Amino acid sequence: MKYIFFYTLLLSLVSCKNSTKTYNEGAILYKRHCENCHMSDGSGLEALYPPLAKADMLKNLGVKAACIIKYGLHGKILVNGIEFDTGMDPVQNLSDVEITNILNYIHNAWGNRKQFIQLNEVTHTLENCKTQIK
């Protein structure tokens, strides 16, 4: 019984360490690829670019936000009751790992709270949205 407790404790410590690493890498990638439009605090840029901080659309999309990062977005969207029609260019040079890290960052920054997304979820989601785009 002691061994099971110790093993569980060890796994949770490793998991927390990986979550922190993922979050930090996501913050660096966000700064490089997303901050210019969505701002350092996730507030967006007035009527041009939607906020990510406490954004209902982001919360509702969950892992499907990976499709927007990878393949872009066109047309009108509604975020927190405000309409945006600027669109978003795809960020195609990001790997699935990098997209996962960005998602985990934006889903847990600026008051957002969401369970960490796993790489296999992002890979599966990207494959599905890729086939829908073609």
N, C-alpha and C. Protein backbone atom coordinates (compact mmCIF):
# COMPACT_ATOMS: atom_id res chain seq x y z
N MET A 1 0.82 -1.19 0.00
CA MET A 1 0.00 0.00 0.00
C MET A 1 0.87 1.26 0.00
N LYS A 2 1.99 1.21 0.77
CA LYS A 2 2.89 2.37 0.80
C LYS A 2 3.45 2.65 -0.58
N TYR A 3 3.74 1.58 -1.32
CA TYR A 3 4.32 1.76 -2.64
C TYR A 3 3.35 2.41 -3.61
N ILE A 4 2.08 2.05 -3.51
CA ILE A 4 1.06 2.65 -4.37
C ILE A 4 0.95 4.15 -4.09
N PHE A 5 0.95 4.51 -2.82
CA PHE A 5 0.89 5.93 -2.45
C PHE A 5 2.11 6.68 -2.98
N PHE A 6 3.29 6.10 -2.77
CA PHE A 6 4.52 6.74 -3.24
C PHE A 6 4.52 6.90 -4.76
N TYR A 7 4.10 5.85 -5.47
CA TYR A 7 4.05 5.89 -6.93
C TYR A 7 3.08 6.96 -7.42
N THR A 8 1.91 7.03 -6.79
CA THR A 8 0.91 8.05 -7.15
C THR A 8 1.44 9.45 -6.90
N LEU A 9 2.11 9.64 -5.76
CA LEU A 9 2.70 10.94 -5.44
C LEU A 9 3.77 11.31 -6.46
N LEU A 10 4.61 10.38 -6.81
CA LEU A 10 5.67 10.62 -7.79
C LEU A 10 5.08 10.99 -9.15
N LEU A 11 4.06 10.28 -9.59
CA LEU A 11 3.42 10.59 -10.86
C LEU A 11 2.80 11.98 -10.86
N SER A 12 2.18 12.36 -9.77
CA SER A 12 1.56 13.69 -9.71
C SER A 12 2.61 14.78 -9.74
N LEU A 13 3.76 14.56 -9.12
CA LEU A 13 4.83 15.56 -9.17
C LEU A 13 5.39 15.70 -10.57
N VAL A 14 5.60 14.59 -11.26
CA VAL A 14 6.08 14.63 -12.63
C VAL A 14 5.05 15.32 -13.52
N SER A 15 3.78 15.00 -13.33
CA SER A 15 2.71 15.61 -14.12
C SER A 15 2.67 17.12 -13.91
N CYS A 16 2.80 17.59 -12.68
CA CYS A 16 2.81 19.03 -12.40
C CYS A 16 4.00 19.71 -13.06
N LYS A 17 5.15 19.04 -13.01
CA LYS A 17 6.35 19.61 -13.63
C LYS A 17 6.15 19.74 -15.13
N ASN A 18 5.59 18.72 -15.78
CA ASN A 18 5.35 18.78 -17.22
C ASN A 18 4.32 19.84 -17.56
N SER A 19 3.28 20.01 -16.74
CA SER A 19 2.27 21.04 -16.98
C SER A 19 2.90 22.42 -16.92
N THR A 20 3.77 22.63 -15.94
CA THR A 20 4.45 23.92 -15.81
C THR A 20 5.34 24.17 -17.01
N LYS A 21 6.08 23.16 -17.45
CA LYS A 21 6.95 23.30 -18.62
C LYS A 21 6.13 23.62 -19.86
N THR A 22 5.03 22.89 -20.05
CA THR A 22 4.15 23.11 -21.19
C THR A 22 3.60 24.53 -21.18
N TYR A 23 3.16 24.98 -20.00
CA TYR A 23 2.60 26.32 -19.85
C TYR A 23 3.66 27.38 -20.20
N ASN A 24 4.87 27.21 -19.70
CA ASN A 24 5.94 28.18 -19.97
C ASN A 24 6.33 28.21 -21.45
N GLU A 25 6.41 27.05 -22.07
CA GLU A 25 6.72 27.00 -23.50
C GLU A 25 5.58 27.62 -24.30
N GLY A 26 4.36 27.39 -23.88
CA GLY A 26 3.20 28.00 -24.53
C GLY A 26 3.24 29.51 -24.43
N ALA A 27 3.68 30.04 -23.28
CA ALA A 27 3.78 31.49 -23.10
C ALA A 27 4.80 32.08 -24.07
N ILE A 28 5.90 31.41 -24.26
CA ILE A 28 6.94 31.88 -25.19
C ILE A 28 6.41 31.87 -26.62
N LEU A 29 5.74 30.78 -27.00
CA LEU A 29 5.17 30.67 -28.35
C LEU A 29 4.06 31.69 -28.57
N TYR A 30 3.23 31.91 -27.55
CA TYR A 30 2.17 32.91 -27.65
C TYR A 30 2.77 34.28 -27.91
N LYS A 31 3.81 34.60 -27.17
CA LYS A 31 4.46 35.92 -27.34
C LYS A 31 4.97 36.08 -28.77
N ARG A 32 5.53 35.03 -29.32
CA ARG A 32 6.11 35.08 -30.67
C ARG A 32 5.06 35.12 -31.77
N HIS A 33 3.96 34.36 -31.62
CA HIS A 33 3.02 34.17 -32.73
C HIS A 33 1.66 34.81 -32.56
N CYS A 34 1.27 35.16 -31.34
CA CYS A 34 -0.11 35.57 -31.10
C CYS A 34 -0.27 36.94 -30.45
N GLU A 35 0.72 37.32 -29.67
CA GLU A 35 0.61 38.52 -28.86
C GLU A 35 0.41 39.79 -29.66
N ASN A 36 0.95 39.85 -30.85
CA ASN A 36 0.85 41.05 -31.67
C ASN A 36 -0.60 41.46 -31.89
N CYS A 37 -1.49 40.50 -32.05
CA CYS A 37 -2.91 40.79 -32.29
C CYS A 37 -3.76 40.66 -31.02
N HIS A 38 -3.49 39.63 -30.23
CA HIS A 38 -4.34 39.35 -29.07
C HIS A 38 -3.82 40.01 -27.79
N MET A 39 -2.71 40.70 -27.86
CA MET A 39 -2.10 41.46 -26.76
C MET A 39 -1.52 40.56 -25.67
N SER A 40 -0.59 41.12 -24.91
CA SER A 40 0.10 40.34 -23.87
C SER A 40 -0.82 39.87 -22.76
N ASP A 41 -1.91 40.61 -22.54
CA ASP A 41 -2.86 40.23 -21.49
C ASP A 41 -4.09 39.51 -22.05
N GLY A 42 -4.06 39.14 -23.33
CA GLY A 42 -5.16 38.41 -23.95
C GLY A 42 -6.41 39.23 -24.18
N SER A 43 -6.29 40.56 -24.08
CA SER A 43 -7.47 41.43 -24.18
C SER A 43 -7.91 41.71 -25.61
N GLY A 44 -7.11 41.31 -26.59
CA GLY A 44 -7.44 41.59 -27.98
C GLY A 44 -7.14 43.03 -28.34
N LEU A 45 -7.52 43.43 -29.53
CA LEU A 45 -7.24 44.79 -30.00
C LEU A 45 -8.55 45.41 -30.47
N GLU A 46 -9.22 46.01 -29.51
CA GLU A 46 -10.48 46.71 -29.74
C GLU A 46 -11.42 45.91 -30.65
N ALA A 47 -11.89 46.50 -31.72
CA ALA A 47 -12.84 45.81 -32.61
C ALA A 47 -12.15 45.00 -33.69
N LEU A 48 -10.81 45.00 -33.71
CA LEU A 48 -10.09 44.28 -34.76
C LEU A 48 -9.86 42.81 -34.43
N TYR A 49 -9.31 42.54 -33.26
CA TYR A 49 -8.94 41.17 -32.89
C TYR A 49 -9.59 40.81 -31.57
N PRO A 50 -10.24 39.67 -31.49
CA PRO A 50 -10.99 39.30 -30.29
C PRO A 50 -10.09 39.00 -29.10
N PRO A 51 -10.66 39.16 -27.92
CA PRO A 51 -9.91 38.79 -26.72
C PRO A 51 -9.83 37.27 -26.60
N LEU A 52 -8.81 36.82 -25.90
CA LEU A 52 -8.71 35.42 -25.51
C LEU A 52 -8.95 35.28 -24.01
N ALA A 53 -8.73 36.37 -23.29
CA ALA A 53 -8.96 36.37 -21.84
C ALA A 53 -10.45 36.26 -21.57
N LYS A 54 -10.82 35.24 -20.83
CA LYS A 54 -12.22 35.00 -20.47
C LYS A 54 -13.15 35.02 -21.68
N ALA A 55 -12.68 34.52 -22.80
CA ALA A 55 -13.46 34.52 -24.05
C ALA A 55 -14.37 33.30 -24.11
N ASP A 56 -15.66 33.55 -24.28
CA ASP A 56 -16.62 32.46 -24.36
C ASP A 56 -16.35 31.55 -25.56
N MET A 57 -15.95 32.11 -26.67
CA MET A 57 -15.70 31.31 -27.86
C MET A 57 -14.54 30.34 -27.63
N LEU A 58 -13.47 30.82 -27.00
CA LEU A 58 -12.31 29.97 -26.70
C LEU A 58 -12.73 28.84 -25.75
N LYS A 59 -13.50 29.19 -24.76
CA LYS A 59 -13.96 28.18 -23.80
C LYS A 59 -14.81 27.13 -24.50
N ASN A 60 -15.68 27.54 -25.39
CA ASN A 60 -16.55 26.61 -26.10
C ASN A 60 -15.80 25.76 -27.13
N LEU A 61 -14.78 26.32 -27.75
CA LEU A 61 -14.02 25.57 -28.76
C LEU A 61 -13.16 24.48 -28.14
N GLY A 62 -12.55 24.76 -27.01
CA GLY A 62 -11.64 23.81 -26.39
C GLY A 62 -10.50 23.44 -27.33
N VAL A 63 -10.28 22.15 -27.53
CA VAL A 63 -9.19 21.67 -28.38
C VAL A 63 -9.39 22.05 -29.85
N LYS A 64 -10.62 22.30 -30.27
CA LYS A 64 -10.88 22.68 -31.66
C LYS A 64 -10.26 24.03 -32.02
N ALA A 65 -9.83 24.80 -31.04
CA ALA A 65 -9.11 26.04 -31.32
C ALA A 65 -7.80 25.76 -32.06
N ALA A 66 -7.32 24.53 -31.97
CA ALA A 66 -6.11 24.13 -32.71
C ALA A 66 -6.31 24.32 -34.20
N CYS A 67 -7.52 24.05 -34.68
CA CYS A 67 -7.82 24.20 -36.11
C CYS A 67 -7.69 25.66 -36.55
N ILE A 68 -8.10 26.57 -35.70
CA ILE A 68 -8.00 27.99 -36.04
C ILE A 68 -6.54 28.41 -36.09
N ILE A 69 -5.74 27.93 -35.14
CA ILE A 69 -4.31 28.29 -35.14
C ILE A 69 -3.65 27.75 -36.40
N LYS A 70 -3.89 26.50 -36.71
CA LYS A 70 -3.20 25.84 -37.84
C LYS A 70 -3.73 26.27 -39.22
N TYR A 71 -5.06 26.43 -39.33
CA TYR A 71 -5.66 26.66 -40.65
C TYR A 71 -6.31 28.03 -40.83
N GLY A 72 -6.31 28.84 -39.79
CA GLY A 72 -6.87 30.19 -39.89
C GLY A 72 -8.37 30.21 -39.70
N LEU A 73 -8.93 31.41 -39.82
CA LEU A 73 -10.35 31.60 -39.60
C LEU A 73 -10.83 32.73 -40.51
N HIS A 74 -11.94 32.52 -41.17
CA HIS A 74 -12.50 33.53 -42.06
C HIS A 74 -13.99 33.70 -41.74
N GLY A 75 -14.47 34.90 -41.88
CA GLY A 75 -15.88 35.16 -41.63
C GLY A 75 -16.10 35.78 -40.26
N LYS A 76 -17.35 36.07 -39.99
CA LYS A 76 -17.72 36.73 -38.75
C LYS A 76 -17.77 35.73 -37.60
N ILE A 77 -17.30 36.21 -36.44
CA ILE A 77 -17.39 35.42 -35.21
C ILE A 77 -17.94 36.32 -34.11
N LEU A 78 -18.48 35.72 -33.09
CA LEU A 78 -19.02 36.44 -31.96
C LEU A 78 -18.25 36.01 -30.72
N VAL A 79 -17.61 36.97 -30.06
CA VAL A 79 -16.85 36.68 -28.85
C VAL A 79 -17.33 37.61 -27.75
N ASN A 80 -17.82 37.03 -26.70
CA ASN A 80 -18.34 37.79 -25.55
C ASN A 80 -19.35 38.84 -25.97
N GLY A 81 -20.18 38.48 -26.96
CA GLY A 81 -21.24 39.38 -27.41
C GLY A 81 -20.81 40.44 -28.40
N ILE A 82 -19.54 40.42 -28.82
CA ILE A 82 -19.03 41.41 -29.78
C ILE A 82 -18.68 40.68 -31.07
N GLU A 83 -19.09 41.27 -32.20
CA GLU A 83 -18.83 40.66 -33.51
C GLU A 83 -17.47 41.11 -34.04
N PHE A 84 -16.73 40.14 -34.58
CA PHE A 84 -15.42 40.39 -35.20
C PHE A 84 -15.46 39.80 -36.60
N ASP A 85 -14.86 40.52 -37.57
CA ASP A 85 -14.86 40.06 -38.95
C ASP A 85 -13.48 40.23 -39.59
N THR A 86 -12.45 40.25 -38.78
CA THR A 86 -11.10 40.46 -39.28
C THR A 86 -10.49 39.18 -39.83
N GLY A 87 -10.88 38.04 -39.27
CA GLY A 87 -10.28 36.77 -39.67
C GLY A 87 -8.93 36.56 -39.01
N MET A 88 -8.37 35.42 -39.25
CA MET A 88 -7.04 35.10 -38.72
C MET A 88 -6.31 34.26 -39.74
N ASP A 89 -5.10 34.68 -40.06
CA ASP A 89 -4.27 33.91 -40.97
C ASP A 89 -3.78 32.65 -40.27
N PRO A 90 -3.58 31.57 -41.03
CA PRO A 90 -3.07 30.35 -40.41
C PRO A 90 -1.62 30.52 -39.96
N VAL A 91 -1.27 29.80 -38.91
CA VAL A 91 0.12 29.76 -38.44
C VAL A 91 0.60 28.34 -38.73
N GLN A 92 0.88 28.07 -39.98
CA GLN A 92 1.13 26.71 -40.45
C GLN A 92 2.48 26.14 -40.05
N ASN A 93 3.41 26.97 -39.66
CA ASN A 93 4.74 26.47 -39.35
C ASN A 93 4.86 25.90 -37.95
N LEU A 94 3.76 25.87 -37.19
CA LEU A 94 3.80 25.32 -35.84
C LEU A 94 3.57 23.81 -35.86
N SER A 95 4.31 23.11 -35.01
CA SER A 95 4.10 21.66 -34.87
C SER A 95 2.89 21.41 -33.98
N ASP A 96 2.44 20.17 -33.96
CA ASP A 96 1.33 19.80 -33.08
C ASP A 96 1.70 20.05 -31.61
N VAL A 97 2.94 19.79 -31.26
CA VAL A 97 3.41 20.03 -29.88
C VAL A 97 3.33 21.51 -29.55
N GLU A 98 3.78 22.35 -30.46
CA GLU A 98 3.74 23.79 -30.21
C GLU A 98 2.30 24.31 -30.11
N ILE A 99 1.42 23.80 -30.95
CA ILE A 99 0.02 24.20 -30.87
C ILE A 99 -0.58 23.75 -29.54
N THR A 100 -0.25 22.55 -29.11
CA THR A 100 -0.72 22.06 -27.82
C THR A 100 -0.26 22.98 -26.70
N ASN A 101 0.99 23.38 -26.75
CA ASN A 101 1.54 24.26 -25.71
C ASN A 101 0.85 25.63 -25.72
N ILE A 102 0.59 26.17 -26.90
CA ILE A 102 -0.11 27.45 -26.99
C ILE A 102 -1.52 27.31 -26.41
N LEU A 103 -2.21 26.25 -26.79
CA LEU A 103 -3.57 26.03 -26.28
C LEU A 103 -3.58 25.92 -24.76
N ASN A 104 -2.64 25.18 -24.22
CA ASN A 104 -2.60 25.04 -22.76
C ASN A 104 -2.29 26.37 -22.09
N TYR A 105 -1.50 27.19 -22.72
CA TYR A 105 -1.22 28.51 -22.17
C TYR A 105 -2.47 29.39 -22.20
N ILE A 106 -3.08 29.54 -23.38
CA ILE A 106 -4.21 30.47 -23.48
C ILE A 106 -5.44 29.96 -22.71
N HIS A 107 -5.55 28.64 -22.54
CA HIS A 107 -6.67 28.10 -21.78
C HIS A 107 -6.47 28.23 -20.27
N ASN A 108 -5.28 28.65 -19.84
CA ASN A 108 -5.00 28.76 -18.41
C ASN A 108 -4.33 30.07 -18.04
N ALA A 109 -4.48 31.08 -18.87
CA ALA A 109 -3.93 32.41 -18.58
C ALA A 109 -5.09 33.41 -18.46
N TRP A 110 -4.84 34.53 -17.85
CA TRP A 110 -5.76 35.68 -17.80
C TRP A 110 -7.14 35.33 -17.23
N GLY A 111 -7.18 34.45 -16.27
CA GLY A 111 -8.46 34.09 -15.68
C GLY A 111 -9.14 32.91 -16.34
N ASN A 112 -8.60 32.42 -17.46
CA ASN A 112 -9.14 31.21 -18.10
C ASN A 112 -8.70 30.01 -17.26
N ARG A 113 -9.57 29.05 -17.10
CA ARG A 113 -9.25 27.82 -16.38
C ARG A 113 -9.83 26.64 -17.12
N LYS A 114 -8.95 25.81 -17.67
CA LYS A 114 -9.40 24.64 -18.41
C LYS A 114 -8.38 23.53 -18.18
N GLN A 115 -8.85 22.30 -18.18
CA GLN A 115 -7.97 21.16 -18.01
C GLN A 115 -6.94 21.13 -19.14
N PHE A 116 -5.71 20.71 -18.82
CA PHE A 116 -4.67 20.68 -19.83
C PHE A 116 -5.02 19.69 -20.94
N ILE A 117 -4.76 20.12 -22.16
CA ILE A 117 -5.03 19.34 -23.35
C ILE A 117 -3.80 18.48 -23.66
N GLN A 118 -4.04 17.27 -24.08
CA GLN A 118 -2.96 16.34 -24.41
C GLN A 118 -2.62 16.44 -25.90
N LEU A 119 -1.38 16.13 -26.22
CA LEU A 119 -0.89 16.17 -27.60
C LEU A 119 -1.74 15.30 -28.53
N ASN A 120 -2.09 14.10 -28.09
CA ASN A 120 -2.86 13.21 -28.98
C ASN A 120 -4.23 13.80 -29.30
N GLU A 121 -4.80 14.59 -28.39
CA GLU A 121 -6.08 15.25 -28.66
C GLU A 121 -5.93 16.28 -29.78
N VAL A 122 -4.83 17.04 -29.73
CA VAL A 122 -4.58 18.07 -30.74
C VAL A 122 -4.30 17.41 -32.09
N THR A 123 -3.48 16.39 -32.11
CA THR A 123 -3.16 15.70 -33.36
C THR A 123 -4.43 15.15 -34.01
N HIS A 124 -5.26 14.50 -33.23
CA HIS A 124 -6.52 13.95 -33.73
C HIS A 124 -7.44 15.06 -34.26
N THR A 125 -7.55 16.13 -33.51
CA THR A 125 -8.40 17.25 -33.90
C THR A 125 -7.90 17.89 -35.20
N LEU A 126 -6.60 18.08 -35.32
CA LEU A 126 -6.04 18.68 -36.54
C LEU A 126 -6.26 17.79 -37.76
N GLU A 127 -6.17 16.49 -37.58
CA GLU A 127 -6.44 15.58 -38.70
C GLU A 127 -7.89 15.70 -39.14
N ASN A 128 -8.79 15.80 -38.19
CA ASN A 128 -10.22 15.91 -38.52
C ASN A 128 -10.54 17.23 -39.21
N CYS A 129 -10.00 18.35 -38.71
CA CYS A 129 -10.34 19.62 -39.34
C CYS A 129 -9.64 19.76 -40.69
N LYS A 130 -8.51 19.09 -40.87
CA LYS A 130 -7.81 19.10 -42.15
C LYS A 130 -8.66 18.44 -43.23
N THR A 131 -9.30 17.33 -42.88
CA THR A 131 -10.14 16.62 -43.86
C THR A 131 -11.42 17.41 -44.15
N GLN A 132 -11.88 18.20 -43.19
CA GLN A 132 -13.09 19.00 -43.40
C GLN A 132 -12.82 20.20 -44.29
N ILE A 133 -11.57 20.70 -44.30
CA ILE A 133 -11.22 21.88 -45.09
C ILE A 133 -11.08 21.50 -46.56
N LYS A 134 -10.57 20.32 -46.85
CA LYS A 134 -10.33 19.92 -48.25
C LYS A 134 -11.60 19.76 -49.03
